[in-house]
Amino acid sequence: MEGGGMTPLLPPPFQQGDLDGLCGAYAIINAARLTSCRHLPKAAWRRLFEALVQRLHEAGELDDAVSDGIGARRLRGLLDDACTWLSAEHGI
């Protein structure tokens, strides 16, 4: 910028969801956290997120989920997967 010492405005940083469609996985994890009545460490929730992403990969749907989001049918399936994982890993 000329004179005045003004700095050009920088664009704001991107946040989760700005560039991907994985908000469905976050919704499942947040719902599980609210309903489980257990305070699991962040690492446990990260492992659940990784398990959900792996499930999308195994189903050949990860690319579409990242770019286009997760539809209701797949979301229900991931919710079932999350329940199974939480039961097996943490007795929830």
N, C-alpha and C. Protein backbone atom coordinates (compact mmCIF):
# COMPACT_ATOMS: atom_id res chain seq x y z
N MET A 1 0.84 -1.16 0.00
CA MET A 1 0.00 0.00 0.00
C MET A 1 0.89 1.23 0.00
N GLU A 2 0.43 2.26 -0.60
CA GLU A 2 1.19 3.50 -0.66
C GLU A 2 0.90 4.36 0.55
N GLY A 3 1.94 4.99 1.09
CA GLY A 3 1.80 5.96 2.16
C GLY A 3 0.86 5.50 3.26
N GLY A 4 0.81 6.19 4.32
CA GLY A 4 -0.12 5.90 5.39
C GLY A 4 0.19 4.66 6.19
N GLY A 5 1.09 3.80 5.72
CA GLY A 5 1.49 2.62 6.45
C GLY A 5 0.39 1.59 6.66
N MET A 6 -0.64 1.60 5.84
CA MET A 6 -1.72 0.64 6.00
C MET A 6 -1.30 -0.72 5.46
N THR A 7 -1.65 -1.75 6.17
CA THR A 7 -1.38 -3.12 5.74
C THR A 7 -2.60 -3.64 5.00
N PRO A 8 -2.38 -4.29 3.86
CA PRO A 8 -3.54 -4.84 3.15
C PRO A 8 -4.22 -5.90 4.03
N LEU A 9 -5.54 -5.99 3.93
CA LEU A 9 -6.27 -6.98 4.70
C LEU A 9 -5.95 -8.37 4.18
N LEU A 10 -5.68 -9.26 5.09
CA LEU A 10 -5.41 -10.64 4.73
C LEU A 10 -6.72 -11.41 4.76
N PRO A 11 -6.85 -12.41 3.91
CA PRO A 11 -8.08 -13.21 3.95
C PRO A 11 -8.12 -14.00 5.26
N PRO A 12 -9.31 -14.25 5.79
CA PRO A 12 -9.41 -15.03 7.02
C PRO A 12 -8.99 -16.48 6.77
N PRO A 13 -8.49 -17.16 7.79
CA PRO A 13 -8.10 -18.56 7.60
C PRO A 13 -9.34 -19.43 7.37
N PHE A 14 -9.14 -20.52 6.66
CA PHE A 14 -10.22 -21.47 6.46
C PHE A 14 -10.46 -22.23 7.76
N GLN A 15 -11.70 -22.66 7.97
CA GLN A 15 -12.05 -23.48 9.12
C GLN A 15 -12.60 -24.81 8.62
N GLN A 16 -12.69 -25.78 9.53
CA GLN A 16 -13.24 -27.07 9.15
C GLN A 16 -14.60 -26.85 8.52
N GLY A 17 -14.80 -27.50 7.41
CA GLY A 17 -16.06 -27.38 6.69
C GLY A 17 -16.01 -26.39 5.54
N ASP A 18 -15.04 -25.48 5.56
CA ASP A 18 -14.93 -24.53 4.46
C ASP A 18 -14.51 -25.21 3.17
N LEU A 19 -13.68 -26.22 3.28
CA LEU A 19 -13.15 -26.88 2.09
C LEU A 19 -13.49 -28.37 2.03
N ASP A 20 -14.17 -28.89 3.04
CA ASP A 20 -14.49 -30.31 3.01
C ASP A 20 -15.94 -30.51 3.44
N GLY A 21 -16.41 -31.72 3.23
CA GLY A 21 -17.79 -32.05 3.57
C GLY A 21 -17.87 -33.08 4.68
N LEU A 22 -16.92 -33.08 5.58
CA LEU A 22 -16.90 -34.07 6.64
C LEU A 22 -17.65 -33.63 7.90
N CYS A 23 -18.50 -32.62 7.78
CA CYS A 23 -19.22 -32.15 8.96
C CYS A 23 -20.11 -33.24 9.53
N GLY A 24 -20.54 -34.21 8.71
CA GLY A 24 -21.34 -35.32 9.22
C GLY A 24 -20.59 -36.14 10.24
N ALA A 25 -19.30 -36.37 9.99
CA ALA A 25 -18.48 -37.12 10.95
C ALA A 25 -18.37 -36.33 12.25
N TYR A 26 -18.19 -35.03 12.15
CA TYR A 26 -18.12 -34.19 13.35
C TYR A 26 -19.46 -34.21 14.10
N ALA A 27 -20.56 -34.21 13.38
CA ALA A 27 -21.88 -34.24 14.02
C ALA A 27 -22.05 -35.53 14.81
N ILE A 28 -21.61 -36.64 14.26
CA ILE A 28 -21.70 -37.92 14.95
C ILE A 28 -20.85 -37.90 16.22
N ILE A 29 -19.63 -37.43 16.09
CA ILE A 29 -18.73 -37.39 17.24
C ILE A 29 -19.27 -36.46 18.33
N ASN A 30 -19.75 -35.29 17.94
CA ASN A 30 -20.29 -34.35 18.93
C ASN A 30 -21.53 -34.92 19.60
N ALA A 31 -22.39 -35.59 18.85
CA ALA A 31 -23.58 -36.20 19.44
C ALA A 31 -23.17 -37.30 20.42
N ALA A 32 -22.19 -38.10 20.05
CA ALA A 32 -21.72 -39.17 20.94
C ALA A 32 -21.12 -38.59 22.21
N ARG A 33 -20.38 -37.50 22.08
CA ARG A 33 -19.80 -36.86 23.26
C ARG A 33 -20.89 -36.34 24.20
N LEU A 34 -21.94 -35.78 23.63
CA LEU A 34 -23.01 -35.22 24.46
C LEU A 34 -23.86 -36.29 25.13
N THR A 35 -24.03 -37.42 24.47
CA THR A 35 -24.92 -38.45 25.00
C THR A 35 -24.20 -39.54 25.78
N SER A 36 -22.89 -39.63 25.69
CA SER A 36 -22.17 -40.73 26.33
C SER A 36 -22.00 -40.54 27.83
N CYS A 37 -22.09 -39.29 28.30
CA CYS A 37 -21.89 -38.99 29.71
C CYS A 37 -20.53 -39.47 30.20
N ARG A 38 -19.60 -39.60 29.30
CA ARG A 38 -18.23 -39.96 29.65
C ARG A 38 -17.30 -38.92 29.09
N HIS A 39 -16.28 -38.65 29.84
CA HIS A 39 -15.29 -37.69 29.39
C HIS A 39 -14.08 -38.44 28.88
N LEU A 40 -14.17 -38.88 27.65
CA LEU A 40 -13.04 -39.57 27.02
C LEU A 40 -12.01 -38.54 26.59
N PRO A 41 -10.75 -38.95 26.55
CA PRO A 41 -9.71 -38.00 26.11
C PRO A 41 -9.87 -37.68 24.62
N LYS A 42 -9.32 -36.55 24.24
CA LYS A 42 -9.38 -36.12 22.84
C LYS A 42 -8.85 -37.20 21.91
N ALA A 43 -7.83 -37.93 22.35
CA ALA A 43 -7.25 -38.99 21.51
C ALA A 43 -8.28 -40.05 21.15
N ALA A 44 -9.20 -40.35 22.06
CA ALA A 44 -10.24 -41.35 21.77
C ALA A 44 -11.17 -40.85 20.68
N TRP A 45 -11.54 -39.58 20.77
CA TRP A 45 -12.43 -39.01 19.75
C TRP A 45 -11.71 -38.92 18.41
N ARG A 46 -10.42 -38.65 18.42
CA ARG A 46 -9.64 -38.64 17.19
C ARG A 46 -9.63 -40.04 16.55
N ARG A 47 -9.49 -41.06 17.39
CA ARG A 47 -9.51 -42.43 16.86
C ARG A 47 -10.86 -42.76 16.25
N LEU A 48 -11.94 -42.29 16.87
CA LEU A 48 -13.26 -42.51 16.29
C LEU A 48 -13.36 -41.79 14.95
N PHE A 49 -12.89 -40.56 14.87
CA PHE A 49 -12.91 -39.83 13.61
C PHE A 49 -12.13 -40.61 12.54
N GLU A 50 -10.96 -41.11 12.91
CA GLU A 50 -10.15 -41.89 11.98
C GLU A 50 -10.88 -43.15 11.54
N ALA A 51 -11.60 -43.79 12.47
CA ALA A 51 -12.36 -45.00 12.12
C ALA A 51 -13.48 -44.66 11.14
N LEU A 52 -14.14 -43.54 11.33
CA LEU A 52 -15.21 -43.14 10.40
C LEU A 52 -14.65 -42.81 9.03
N VAL A 53 -13.53 -42.12 8.99
CA VAL A 53 -12.90 -41.80 7.70
C VAL A 53 -12.44 -43.08 7.01
N GLN A 54 -11.89 -44.01 7.78
CA GLN A 54 -11.46 -45.29 7.21
C GLN A 54 -12.65 -46.05 6.63
N ARG A 55 -13.79 -45.98 7.32
CA ARG A 55 -15.00 -46.65 6.84
C ARG A 55 -15.44 -46.06 5.50
N LEU A 56 -15.38 -44.73 5.38
CA LEU A 56 -15.70 -44.09 4.11
C LEU A 56 -14.73 -44.52 3.02
N HIS A 57 -13.47 -44.64 3.37
CA HIS A 57 -12.45 -45.07 2.41
C HIS A 57 -12.74 -46.50 1.94
N GLU A 58 -13.01 -47.39 2.90
CA GLU A 58 -13.29 -48.79 2.56
C GLU A 58 -14.51 -48.93 1.66
N ALA A 59 -15.48 -48.04 1.84
CA ALA A 59 -16.70 -48.08 1.03
C ALA A 59 -16.51 -47.39 -0.32
N GLY A 60 -15.31 -46.84 -0.55
CA GLY A 60 -15.05 -46.13 -1.80
C GLY A 60 -15.77 -44.79 -1.88
N GLU A 61 -16.11 -44.21 -0.72
CA GLU A 61 -16.90 -42.98 -0.69
C GLU A 61 -16.16 -41.79 -0.09
N LEU A 62 -14.89 -41.97 0.25
CA LEU A 62 -14.17 -40.89 0.93
C LEU A 62 -14.02 -39.67 0.04
N ASP A 63 -13.63 -39.85 -1.21
CA ASP A 63 -13.47 -38.70 -2.10
C ASP A 63 -14.75 -37.91 -2.23
N ASP A 64 -15.87 -38.60 -2.44
CA ASP A 64 -17.16 -37.91 -2.56
C ASP A 64 -17.54 -37.22 -1.26
N ALA A 65 -17.29 -37.89 -0.13
CA ALA A 65 -17.64 -37.30 1.16
C ALA A 65 -16.86 -36.03 1.42
N VAL A 66 -15.58 -36.05 1.09
CA VAL A 66 -14.75 -34.87 1.32
C VAL A 66 -15.20 -33.72 0.44
N SER A 67 -15.50 -33.99 -0.81
CA SER A 67 -15.82 -32.90 -1.73
C SER A 67 -17.30 -32.53 -1.75
N ASP A 68 -18.19 -33.51 -1.51
CA ASP A 68 -19.62 -33.26 -1.66
C ASP A 68 -20.44 -33.43 -0.39
N GLY A 69 -19.84 -33.87 0.68
CA GLY A 69 -20.57 -34.09 1.92
C GLY A 69 -21.05 -35.52 2.06
N ILE A 70 -21.73 -35.78 3.17
CA ILE A 70 -22.20 -37.12 3.50
C ILE A 70 -23.72 -37.10 3.51
N GLY A 71 -24.32 -37.95 2.68
CA GLY A 71 -25.77 -38.02 2.60
C GLY A 71 -26.38 -38.73 3.80
N ALA A 72 -27.70 -38.67 3.89
CA ALA A 72 -28.42 -39.22 5.04
C ALA A 72 -28.20 -40.72 5.20
N ARG A 73 -28.23 -41.47 4.11
CA ARG A 73 -28.06 -42.92 4.19
C ARG A 73 -26.67 -43.26 4.73
N ARG A 74 -25.64 -42.62 4.18
CA ARG A 74 -24.28 -42.87 4.65
C ARG A 74 -24.11 -42.39 6.07
N LEU A 75 -24.74 -41.28 6.43
CA LEU A 75 -24.65 -40.75 7.79
C LEU A 75 -25.23 -41.76 8.79
N ARG A 76 -26.36 -42.38 8.44
CA ARG A 76 -26.95 -43.41 9.31
C ARG A 76 -25.99 -44.58 9.47
N GLY A 77 -25.36 -44.98 8.38
CA GLY A 77 -24.39 -46.07 8.45
C GLY A 77 -23.19 -45.73 9.32
N LEU A 78 -22.70 -44.50 9.19
CA LEU A 78 -21.57 -44.07 10.02
C LEU A 78 -21.97 -43.98 11.48
N LEU A 79 -23.21 -43.60 11.74
CA LEU A 79 -23.69 -43.55 13.12
C LEU A 79 -23.70 -44.95 13.72
N ASP A 80 -24.17 -45.92 12.94
CA ASP A 80 -24.12 -47.32 13.40
C ASP A 80 -22.68 -47.75 13.66
N ASP A 81 -21.78 -47.38 12.75
CA ASP A 81 -20.36 -47.72 12.91
C ASP A 81 -19.79 -47.09 14.18
N ALA A 82 -20.16 -45.84 14.44
CA ALA A 82 -19.67 -45.15 15.63
C ALA A 82 -20.19 -45.83 16.89
N CYS A 83 -21.45 -46.22 16.90
CA CYS A 83 -22.01 -46.91 18.07
C CYS A 83 -21.28 -48.23 18.31
N THR A 84 -21.04 -48.97 17.26
CA THR A 84 -20.30 -50.24 17.38
C THR A 84 -18.90 -49.99 17.92
N TRP A 85 -18.22 -48.99 17.38
CA TRP A 85 -16.86 -48.67 17.80
C TRP A 85 -16.83 -48.26 19.26
N LEU A 86 -17.75 -47.37 19.67
CA LEU A 86 -17.77 -46.90 21.05
C LEU A 86 -18.07 -48.04 22.02
N SER A 87 -18.92 -48.96 21.61
CA SER A 87 -19.22 -50.11 22.46
C SER A 87 -18.01 -51.02 22.60
N ALA A 88 -17.37 -51.32 21.49
CA ALA A 88 -16.22 -52.22 21.51
C ALA A 88 -15.01 -51.60 22.21
N GLU A 89 -14.77 -50.33 21.98
CA GLU A 89 -13.56 -49.68 22.50
C GLU A 89 -13.72 -49.14 23.92
N HIS A 90 -14.94 -48.70 24.27
CA HIS A 90 -15.11 -48.01 25.53
C HIS A 90 -16.32 -48.46 26.35
N GLY A 91 -17.01 -49.49 25.89
CA GLY A 91 -18.15 -49.99 26.64
C GLY A 91 -19.31 -49.03 26.73
N ILE A 92 -19.39 -48.13 25.74
CA ILE A 92 -20.47 -47.13 25.71
C ILE A 92 -21.55 -47.63 24.77
